[in-house]
Protein backbone atom coordinates (compact mmCIF):
# COMPACT_ATOMS: atom_id res chain seq x y z
CA MET A 1 103.91 37.58 117.34
CA LYS A 2 107.45 38.77 118.05
CA GLU A 3 108.75 41.41 115.66
CA SER A 4 111.53 40.35 113.29
CA LYS A 5 114.99 41.87 113.58
CA GLN A 6 114.49 43.42 110.16
CA ARG A 7 111.25 45.12 111.18
CA ILE A 8 112.74 46.35 114.48
CA PHE A 9 115.70 47.83 112.58
CA VAL A 10 113.51 49.57 109.99
CA LYS A 11 111.20 50.95 112.66
CA GLY A 12 114.12 52.12 114.78
CA SER A 13 115.85 53.76 111.81
CA LEU A 14 112.68 55.56 110.79
CA ILE A 15 112.00 56.80 114.32
CA ILE A 16 115.50 58.22 114.69
CA THR A 17 115.71 59.61 111.16
CA VAL A 18 112.28 61.28 111.22
CA SER A 19 112.86 62.80 114.65
CA ASN A 20 116.31 64.05 113.58
CA ILE A 21 115.00 65.51 110.34
CA LEU A 22 112.13 67.31 112.05
CA LEU A 23 114.42 68.82 114.66
CA LYS A 24 117.33 69.62 112.41
CA GLY A 25 114.86 71.00 109.91
CA VAL A 26 113.79 73.55 112.50
CA THR A 27 117.44 74.28 113.31
CA PHE A 28 118.05 74.59 109.58
CA LEU A 29 115.33 77.22 109.36
CA LEU A 30 117.08 79.16 112.12
CA LEU A 31 120.23 79.50 110.04
CA PRO A 32 119.26 82.99 108.77
CA LEU A 33 119.12 84.01 112.42
CA TYR A 34 122.63 82.69 113.05
CA THR A 35 124.08 84.41 110.00
CA ARG A 36 122.35 87.67 110.93
CA TYR A 37 123.56 87.84 114.54
CA LEU A 38 126.95 86.16 114.06
CA THR A 39 129.65 87.37 111.70
CA PRO A 40 131.74 84.76 109.86
CA GLU A 41 134.52 85.48 112.40
CA MET A 42 132.21 84.82 115.39
CA LEU A 43 130.90 81.63 113.83
CA GLY A 44 134.46 80.60 113.07
CA VAL A 45 135.47 81.00 116.74
CA SER A 46 132.44 79.03 117.95
CA ASP A 47 133.03 76.23 115.43
CA SER A 48 136.73 76.05 116.34
CA VAL A 49 135.89 75.56 120.03
CA THR A 50 133.32 72.84 119.35
CA THR A 51 135.75 71.17 116.96
CA PHE A 52 138.32 71.06 119.77
CA THR A 53 135.91 69.28 122.15
CA ALA A 54 134.82 67.01 119.29
CA PHE A 55 138.44 65.87 119.16
CA VAL A 56 138.90 65.42 122.93
CA PHE A 57 135.55 63.74 123.63
CA PRO A 58 136.10 60.44 121.77
CA ILE A 59 139.57 60.13 123.28
CA LEU A 60 138.05 60.29 126.76
CA VAL A 61 135.43 57.72 125.71
CA LEU A 62 138.33 55.30 125.01
CA GLY A 63 136.36 53.67 122.20
CA LEU A 64 134.06 52.07 124.81
CA ASP A 65 130.97 53.21 122.89
CA SER A 66 131.98 50.78 120.13
CA ALA A 67 132.77 48.07 122.68
CA PHE A 68 129.26 48.47 124.13
CA GLY A 69 127.67 47.26 120.91
CA ALA A 70 130.33 44.66 120.12
CA PHE A 71 130.07 42.93 123.53
CA TYR A 72 126.42 43.53 124.48
CA TYR A 73 125.00 40.54 122.61
CA ASP A 74 127.76 38.07 123.52
CA ARG A 75 125.54 36.65 126.29
CA ASP A 76 121.76 36.66 126.59
CA SER A 77 121.83 37.52 130.27
CA ARG A 78 120.50 40.62 132.05
CA GLU A 79 123.24 40.40 134.69
CA TYR A 80 125.91 40.34 131.97
CA ARG A 81 124.35 43.33 130.23
CA MET A 82 124.20 45.22 133.52
CA LYS A 83 127.91 44.54 133.84
CA ILE A 84 128.46 46.02 130.39
CA PHE A 85 126.54 49.17 131.31
CA ASN A 86 128.04 49.67 134.77
CA THR A 87 131.61 48.90 133.76
CA ILE A 88 131.50 51.48 130.97
CA GLU A 89 129.64 54.05 133.11
CA TYR A 90 132.23 53.87 135.90
CA ALA A 91 135.07 54.08 133.37
CA LEU A 92 133.58 57.21 131.78
CA ILE A 93 132.95 58.83 135.16
CA PHE A 94 136.67 58.39 135.80
CA THR A 95 137.71 59.89 132.46
CA GLY A 96 135.18 62.68 133.00
CA MET A 97 136.86 63.58 136.26
CA LEU A 98 140.23 63.56 134.51
CA SER A 99 138.92 65.97 131.89
CA LEU A 100 138.42 68.56 134.63
CA LEU A 101 142.14 69.17 134.23
CA LEU A 102 141.33 70.88 130.93
CA LEU A 103 139.57 73.61 132.91
CA ILE A 104 142.90 74.58 134.45
CA PHE A 105 144.44 75.07 131.01
CA ALA A 106 141.43 76.81 129.39
CA LYS A 107 143.30 80.08 128.91
CA THR A 108 146.30 78.30 127.41
CA ILE A 109 144.04 76.39 125.00
CA SER A 110 142.43 79.69 123.95
CA GLN A 111 145.86 81.19 123.30
CA VAL A 112 146.96 78.19 121.22
CA LEU A 113 143.79 78.21 119.11
CA PHE A 114 143.26 81.94 118.64
CA GLY A 115 146.43 83.66 119.78
CA THR A 116 144.55 85.26 122.69
CA GLY A 117 143.19 84.19 126.07
CA ASP A 118 139.94 86.12 125.50
CA TYR A 119 137.97 82.93 124.78
CA GLN A 120 138.84 81.17 128.05
CA ILE A 121 135.19 81.15 129.21
CA LEU A 122 134.12 79.57 125.92
CA ILE A 123 136.61 76.75 126.47
CA LEU A 124 135.39 76.26 130.06
CA LEU A 125 131.75 75.97 128.98
CA ALA A 126 132.57 73.60 126.11
CA VAL A 127 134.56 71.29 128.41
CA CYS A 128 131.74 71.22 130.99
CA SER A 129 129.31 70.36 128.19
CA MET A 130 131.60 67.52 127.12
CA ILE A 131 131.71 66.13 130.69
CA CYS A 132 127.88 66.01 130.80
CA ASN A 133 127.97 64.14 127.50
CA LEU A 134 130.38 61.58 128.96
CA PHE A 135 128.13 60.88 131.93
CA TYR A 136 124.96 60.19 129.93
CA LEU A 137 126.55 58.34 126.99
CA PRO A 138 126.19 54.82 128.53
CA TYR A 139 122.48 55.48 129.17
CA ALA A 140 121.94 56.44 125.53
CA LEU A 141 123.88 53.36 124.37
CA TYR A 142 121.87 51.09 126.66
CA VAL A 143 118.57 52.45 125.32
CA ARG A 144 119.75 51.88 121.74
CA MET A 145 120.94 48.33 122.40
CA GLU A 146 117.57 47.53 123.98
CA ASN A 147 115.88 48.92 120.84
CA ARG A 148 113.95 51.47 122.89
CA MET A 149 114.13 53.91 120.03
CA MET A 150 110.98 55.81 121.02
CA LEU A 151 112.57 56.75 124.34
CA PHE A 152 115.85 57.61 122.61
CA ALA A 153 114.02 59.80 120.09
CA ALA A 154 111.83 61.39 122.80
CA VAL A 155 114.86 62.54 124.80
CA ASN A 156 116.48 63.88 121.63
CA VAL A 157 113.31 65.69 120.59
CA LEU A 158 112.73 67.27 123.99
CA THR A 159 116.30 68.43 124.47
CA SER A 160 116.67 69.58 120.88
CA VAL A 161 113.52 71.71 121.06
CA PHE A 162 114.88 73.22 124.26
CA HIS A 163 118.23 73.78 122.53
CA ILE A 164 116.58 75.59 119.63
CA ILE A 165 114.58 77.87 121.94
CA LEU A 166 117.67 78.57 124.01
CA ASN A 167 119.64 79.45 120.88
CA ILE A 168 117.01 82.01 119.92
CA PHE A 169 117.04 83.61 123.37
CA CYS A 170 120.83 83.69 123.59
CA LEU A 171 121.16 85.25 120.13
CA CYS A 172 118.19 87.63 119.96
CA VAL A 173 117.16 88.43 123.53
CA PHE A 174 120.36 88.21 125.56
CA LYS A 175 122.57 89.07 122.55
CA MET A 176 125.41 86.88 123.78
CA GLY A 177 127.17 86.88 120.42
CA VAL A 178 129.98 84.35 120.14
CA TYR A 179 128.92 82.75 123.45
CA SER A 180 125.37 81.96 122.26
CA LEU A 181 125.85 78.53 120.68
CA ILE A 182 128.31 77.26 123.32
CA VAL A 183 126.06 78.27 126.26
CA SER A 184 123.09 76.59 124.57
CA MET A 185 125.10 73.41 124.02
CA PHE A 186 126.22 73.23 127.66
CA VAL A 187 122.72 73.70 129.12
CA THR A 188 121.26 71.17 126.65
CA HIS A 189 123.82 68.46 127.47
CA PHE A 190 123.23 69.02 131.19
CA MET A 191 119.50 68.56 130.56
CA GLN A 192 120.11 65.35 128.57
CA ALA A 193 122.18 63.89 131.41
CA ALA A 194 119.39 64.69 133.89
CA LEU A 195 116.65 63.21 131.67
CA TYR A 196 118.49 59.94 131.03
CA GLY A 197 119.21 59.60 134.73
CA VAL A 198 115.51 59.97 135.56
CA LEU A 199 113.86 58.12 132.64
CA VAL A 200 116.17 55.14 132.12
CA LYS A 201 115.53 52.62 134.87
CA VAL A 202 118.80 50.74 134.90
CA GLU A 203 120.68 49.34 137.86
CA PHE A 204 123.67 51.55 138.58
CA LYS A 205 125.55 49.52 141.18
CA LYS A 206 129.20 49.08 142.03
CA ARG A 207 128.82 45.29 142.28
CA TYR A 208 128.28 45.14 138.52
CA PHE A 209 131.62 46.81 137.81
CA ASP A 210 133.82 44.06 136.32
CA VAL A 211 137.56 44.70 135.97
CA SER A 212 138.19 41.65 133.79
CA LEU A 213 135.35 42.66 131.47
CA LEU A 214 136.76 46.19 131.28
CA LYS A 215 140.14 44.77 130.27
CA ARG A 216 138.55 42.72 127.48
CA MET A 217 136.55 45.70 126.22
CA LEU A 218 139.60 47.96 126.35
CA LYS A 219 141.56 45.37 124.39
CA TYR A 220 138.89 45.74 121.72
CA SER A 221 138.39 49.50 121.99
CA LEU A 222 141.85 50.98 122.64
CA PRO A 223 143.05 50.24 119.10
CA LEU A 224 140.19 52.50 118.06
CA LEU A 225 141.74 55.53 119.81
CA PRO A 226 144.27 56.16 117.04
CA VAL A 227 141.31 55.81 114.66
CA VAL A 228 139.56 58.58 116.58
CA VAL A 229 142.58 60.83 116.24
CA VAL A 230 143.06 60.22 112.53
CA SER A 231 139.29 60.48 111.94
CA TRP A 232 139.42 63.92 113.48
CA VAL A 233 142.40 64.77 111.28
CA LEU A 234 140.48 63.48 108.27
CA GLN A 235 137.21 65.29 108.88
CA VAL A 236 137.88 68.47 110.85
CA SER A 237 141.60 69.29 110.90
CA ASP A 238 141.01 71.35 107.76
CA ARG A 239 139.19 73.90 109.95
CA TYR A 240 142.33 74.47 111.99
CA ILE A 241 144.47 74.71 108.88
CA LEU A 242 141.96 77.27 107.59
CA LEU A 243 142.05 79.05 110.96
CA LYS A 244 145.84 79.38 110.92
CA LEU A 245 146.29 80.11 107.23
CA CYS A 246 143.13 82.06 106.34
CA GLY A 247 141.55 83.30 109.61
CA GLU A 248 138.28 82.88 111.52
CA GLY A 249 136.15 84.24 108.67
CA GLU A 250 137.08 81.42 106.29
CA VAL A 251 136.30 78.88 109.03
CA GLY A 252 132.87 80.53 109.39
CA ILE A 253 132.20 80.20 105.64
CA TYR A 254 133.30 76.57 105.72
CA GLY A 255 131.09 76.01 108.78
CA ILE A 256 128.00 77.08 106.83
CA GLY A 257 128.74 74.53 104.10
CA ALA A 258 129.36 71.89 106.74
CA ARG A 259 126.03 72.65 108.44
CA PHE A 260 124.17 71.93 105.22
CA SER A 261 126.15 68.74 104.68
CA ASN A 262 125.13 67.64 108.18
CA LEU A 263 121.61 67.22 106.83
CA VAL A 264 122.93 64.20 104.92
CA SER A 265 124.52 62.87 108.10
CA LEU A 266 121.05 62.89 109.72
CA LEU A 267 120.06 60.09 107.39
CA ALA A 268 123.30 58.21 108.07
CA ASN A 269 122.99 58.63 111.84
CA GLY A 270 119.40 57.47 111.79
CA VAL A 271 120.41 54.31 109.94
CA TYR A 272 123.48 53.23 111.86
CA THR A 273 122.13 54.30 115.26
CA ALA A 274 119.66 51.44 114.83
CA TYR A 275 121.98 49.38 112.58
CA THR A 276 124.60 48.56 115.23
CA SER A 277 122.28 46.44 117.38
CA TYR A 278 120.67 44.97 114.25
CA ALA A 279 123.95 44.07 112.53
CA PHE A 280 125.63 42.46 115.54
CA GLY A 281 122.42 40.68 116.55
CA LYS A 282 121.85 39.27 113.05
CA LYS A 283 125.34 38.35 111.85
CA ASP A 284 124.84 34.61 112.46
CA ASP A 285 121.50 34.43 110.61
CA LEU A 286 121.40 32.71 107.22
CA ASP A 287 120.07 35.74 105.37
CA ALA A 288 122.31 38.27 107.14
CA LYS A 289 124.66 39.04 104.25
CA ALA A 290 121.83 39.51 101.76
CA GLN A 291 120.10 41.91 104.14
CA TYR A 292 123.30 43.90 104.76
CA ALA A 293 123.73 44.38 101.00
CA ARG A 294 120.10 45.42 100.62
CA ILE A 295 120.38 47.96 103.44
CA LEU A 296 123.45 49.53 101.83
CA ASP A 297 121.57 49.96 98.53
CA ASP A 298 118.62 51.53 100.35
CA PHE A 299 120.93 53.89 102.21
CA VAL A 300 122.77 54.99 99.06
CA TYR A 301 119.47 55.61 97.26
CA ALA A 302 118.10 57.80 100.06
CA GLY A 303 121.47 59.54 100.41
CA LEU A 304 121.62 60.36 96.71
CA ILE A 305 118.17 61.94 96.78
CA CYS A 306 119.15 64.03 99.81
CA CYS A 307 122.50 65.05 98.26
CA SER A 308 120.78 65.97 95.00
CA VAL A 309 118.33 68.31 96.74
CA LEU A 310 121.15 70.17 98.49
CA THR A 311 123.45 70.30 95.45
CA VAL A 312 120.97 71.15 92.68
CA PHE A 313 119.24 73.83 94.75
CA SER A 314 122.42 75.11 96.43
CA PHE A 315 122.24 78.61 94.93
CA SER A 316 118.66 79.08 96.06
CA ILE A 317 119.30 77.58 99.50
CA ILE A 318 122.30 79.79 100.26
CA ARG A 319 120.51 82.94 99.07
CA LEU A 320 117.45 82.12 101.16
CA MET A 321 119.15 80.91 104.33
CA THR A 322 122.20 83.18 104.73
CA THR A 323 123.33 86.74 104.32
CA GLN A 324 125.53 88.05 101.51
CA SER A 325 128.70 87.69 103.58
CA TYR A 326 128.25 83.90 103.49
CA GLY A 327 127.49 83.70 99.75
CA SER A 328 130.71 81.91 98.78
CA ALA A 329 129.56 78.86 100.81
CA VAL A 330 127.52 77.79 97.77
CA GLN A 331 130.68 76.43 96.13
CA LEU A 332 131.31 74.14 99.11
CA MET A 333 127.91 72.47 99.18
CA ALA A 334 128.37 69.73 96.57
CA PRO A 335 131.71 68.26 97.75
CA LEU A 336 130.74 68.47 101.43
CA VAL A 337 127.32 66.81 101.11
CA PHE A 338 128.70 63.97 98.98
CA SER A 339 131.59 63.49 101.42
CA GLN A 340 128.97 62.84 104.13
CA LEU A 341 127.33 60.24 101.90
CA TYR A 342 130.64 58.43 101.39
CA ASN A 343 131.31 58.65 105.11
CA GLY A 344 128.03 56.82 105.74
CA ILE A 345 128.96 54.21 103.13
CA ASN A 346 132.32 53.77 104.85
CA THR A 347 130.56 53.00 108.14
CA LEU A 348 128.13 50.47 106.68
CA VAL A 349 130.67 48.53 104.58
CA GLY A 350 133.07 48.37 107.56
CA TYR A 351 130.98 46.22 109.87
CA GLY A 352 132.87 43.10 108.79
CA ILE A 353 135.90 44.53 110.61
CA GLY A 354 133.79 44.97 113.75
CA PHE A 355 132.46 41.41 113.49
CA ALA A 356 136.02 40.08 113.33
CA LYS A 357 137.00 42.39 116.24
CA LYS A 358 140.10 43.45 114.26
CA THR A 359 139.65 47.15 114.81
CA TYR A 360 143.22 48.05 113.88
CA TYR A 361 142.11 47.78 110.25
CA PHE A 362 139.96 50.87 110.81
CA LEU A 363 143.17 52.67 111.74
CA ILE A 364 144.83 51.68 108.47
CA ALA A 365 141.93 52.86 106.31
CA THR A 366 141.36 56.09 108.23
CA SER A 367 145.08 56.92 108.36
CA ILE A 368 145.38 56.66 104.60
CA GLY A 369 142.51 59.13 104.18
CA ALA A 370 143.88 61.45 106.90
CA VAL A 371 147.39 61.64 105.42
CA ILE A 372 145.99 62.44 101.98
CA ASN A 373 143.68 65.05 103.51
CA VAL A 374 146.38 66.90 105.46
CA ILE A 375 148.90 66.92 102.60
CA THR A 376 146.40 68.18 100.03
CA ASN A 377 145.03 70.77 102.49
CA LEU A 378 148.49 72.18 103.14
CA ILE A 379 149.12 72.38 99.40
CA PHE A 380 145.83 73.88 98.23
CA ILE A 381 144.26 75.81 101.16
CA PRO A 382 146.77 78.72 100.97
CA LYS A 383 145.61 79.39 97.41
CA TYR A 384 141.97 78.26 97.33
CA GLY A 385 140.88 78.51 100.99
CA ALA A 386 137.66 76.79 102.10
CA LEU A 387 136.93 75.53 98.58
CA ALA A 388 140.11 73.44 98.66
CA ALA A 389 139.19 72.07 102.09
CA SER A 390 135.80 70.88 100.82
CA TYR A 391 137.26 69.02 97.82
CA THR A 392 140.09 67.42 99.79
CA THR A 393 137.51 66.20 102.31
CA LEU A 394 135.48 64.52 99.57
CA GLY A 395 138.52 62.88 97.96
CA SER A 396 140.08 61.59 101.17
CA ILE A 397 136.81 60.17 102.55
CA LEU A 398 136.12 58.42 99.24
CA ILE A 399 139.57 56.79 99.34
CA MET A 400 139.07 55.78 103.00
CA ALA A 401 135.70 54.19 102.18
CA MET A 402 137.24 52.16 99.36
CA VAL A 403 140.06 50.88 101.59
CA THR A 404 137.57 50.01 104.37
CA TYR A 405 135.44 48.09 101.87
CA LEU A 406 138.38 46.06 100.54
CA VAL A 407 139.64 45.14 104.02
CA SER A 408 136.20 44.33 105.40
CA GLN A 409 135.46 42.06 102.44
CA ARG A 410 138.51 39.95 103.28
CA LEU A 411 137.21 39.39 106.81
CA TYR A 412 133.47 39.02 106.14
CA LYS A 413 132.56 38.89 102.47
CA ILE A 414 129.26 40.47 101.46
CA ASN A 415 128.11 40.84 97.87
CA TYR A 416 127.58 44.59 97.91
CA ASN A 417 126.79 46.29 94.62
CA VAL A 418 130.04 48.23 94.29
CA MET A 419 128.94 50.11 91.16
CA LYS A 420 125.92 51.52 92.99
CA ALA A 421 127.75 52.22 96.24
CA PHE A 422 130.86 53.94 94.90
CA LEU A 423 130.60 54.87 91.23
CA CYS A 424 126.96 55.96 91.06
CA PRO A 425 127.31 58.74 93.68
CA LEU A 426 130.45 59.97 91.94
CA ALA A 427 128.66 60.08 88.58
CA VAL A 428 125.65 61.90 90.06
CA TYR A 429 127.99 64.38 91.75
CA MET A 430 129.79 65.23 88.50
CA ILE A 431 126.51 65.60 86.59
CA GLU A 432 125.06 67.93 89.21
CA VAL A 433 128.16 70.11 89.44
CA PHE A 434 128.52 70.32 85.65
CA PHE A 435 124.87 71.29 85.07
CA GLN A 436 124.52 73.48 88.18
CA LYS A 437 122.18 76.42 87.45
CA GLU A 438 121.10 79.55 89.32
CA ASN A 439 117.63 79.63 87.73
CA VAL A 440 115.07 77.97 90.02
CA PHE A 441 112.96 76.60 87.15
CA LEU A 442 115.99 74.92 85.59
CA GLN A 443 116.94 73.56 89.02
CA ILE A 444 113.53 71.89 89.34
CA ILE A 445 113.87 70.30 85.90
CA GLU A 446 117.38 69.07 86.66
CA PHE A 447 116.41 67.61 90.04
CA THR A 448 113.35 65.86 88.59
CA ALA A 449 115.42 64.24 85.85
CA ILE A 450 118.11 63.12 88.30
CA ALA A 451 115.59 61.80 90.86
CA VAL A 452 113.79 59.75 88.19
CA GLY A 453 117.10 58.35 86.90
CA ILE A 454 118.26 57.41 90.41
CA SER A 455 114.91 55.78 91.20
CA LEU A 456 115.06 53.68 88.03
CA LEU A 457 118.62 52.57 88.84
CA PHE A 458 117.66 51.75 92.45
CA ARG A 459 114.26 50.25 91.63
CA SER A 460 114.33 47.70 94.44
CA SER A 461 115.25 50.38 96.97
CA PHE A 462 112.49 52.65 95.70
CA PHE A 463 109.94 49.88 96.26
CA ASP A 464 111.45 49.09 99.67
CA TYR A 465 110.70 52.65 100.78
CA PHE A 466 107.34 52.67 99.04
CA ASN A 467 106.23 49.46 100.72
CA THR A 468 107.53 50.60 104.10
CA MET A 469 105.55 53.82 103.90
CA LYS A 470 102.46 51.94 102.75
CA ASN A 471 102.75 49.54 105.68
CA MET A 472 103.16 52.43 108.09
CA LEU A 473 100.01 54.13 106.77
CA TYR A 474 97.97 50.94 106.62
CA HIS A 475 98.65 47.48 107.94
CA PRO A 476 96.36 44.87 109.45
CA LYS A 477 96.55 44.18 113.15
CA ARG A 478 98.69 41.19 113.89
CA LYS A 479 98.17 38.68 116.60
CA GLU A 480 100.70 38.94 119.38
């Protein structure tokens, strides 16, 4: 019997989430190594370089990653889907070649970012890593759209394990200092490109390149480019404001808090990596809206549990995982982890905009958040440093998510539980910050009480997870 869309989505989400958690969990355990071999200034330089490429990369993608999912299911034809893949692959090869121009200006970029050309090689390596990422992106998108999540997870697992081992060697054996994380990233992305090229059997032929299709996809995706820019402003521009106003050390402290908050994004990425194909493939089904609302509740429940672990035990986690020079990062944990939760909520409630193919609304919502973020950062960072950056990130992302929700509801109304999605996380955040304790025993009591309260409030979501785990551990064989 053919698997339902719901079951395929749940299985895909679990595969991606579990594989991400296992791998990032290992990376998480390596954090004491990073903080021992890298000073806050070194980590700040490395994070600033990767933040730069994180800004350039989506611009070179031209929003075509979003167009891939939006157009892929328009026709149930293999030839059409090969056109989607090949058209985007050729377009990204072209933009990848254009990005080689950045190599010429690597020294200038280093001078602009750090006031010195000493980090020219770092810029060169980061740009080369980004080019590899451009080349394999369509392969990864194709695998996701075909719901081949085991292959997607296998490539991620293999390359991530390699990345972790390489990090250890670069830091401890070769003692490459500030170059360690960038070199590891470049070699890993090169390996991912090679693996996708070998393992994904897809027809890469010029005859499938379709100019008219590219024009239609660009008409959809190009309005997303300003969204990319303002999203970068919203989420990472605070690092550059910190860099200019407070120095590399403060960026390094902020980077530690951000690394812990990325554990929440693992859950979000696992969900909407599988959710894109599910949501677009299901939108015309009769029960689609009810399922979308249910998935949001399940996501918020899991996100709250994850955020609560990181916030309630933040003192213990920072002491255990970092050195004394990074101790002030504990104050950044709560606002940064909850900002990642709201960012995930923003993505899930915004699919109505994608269904209507009116992507300029994303620009409106994101721009509002970005403007608020920059203004408040410029006002408060000079006095409060990284702490101000963490709170402005939380506030601006929350406002963006609310605007996205309101706009998306006008285009494709879904009866989401707004109290659970927006107010409940805010209430949990305030409770956890107010009752934050350094004593481990009191932390355990506080977390237990909060987890029980959240589970009672999200009873249906609790049983969704319980039943899913039960079915994974034991289920009867079904007839095909």
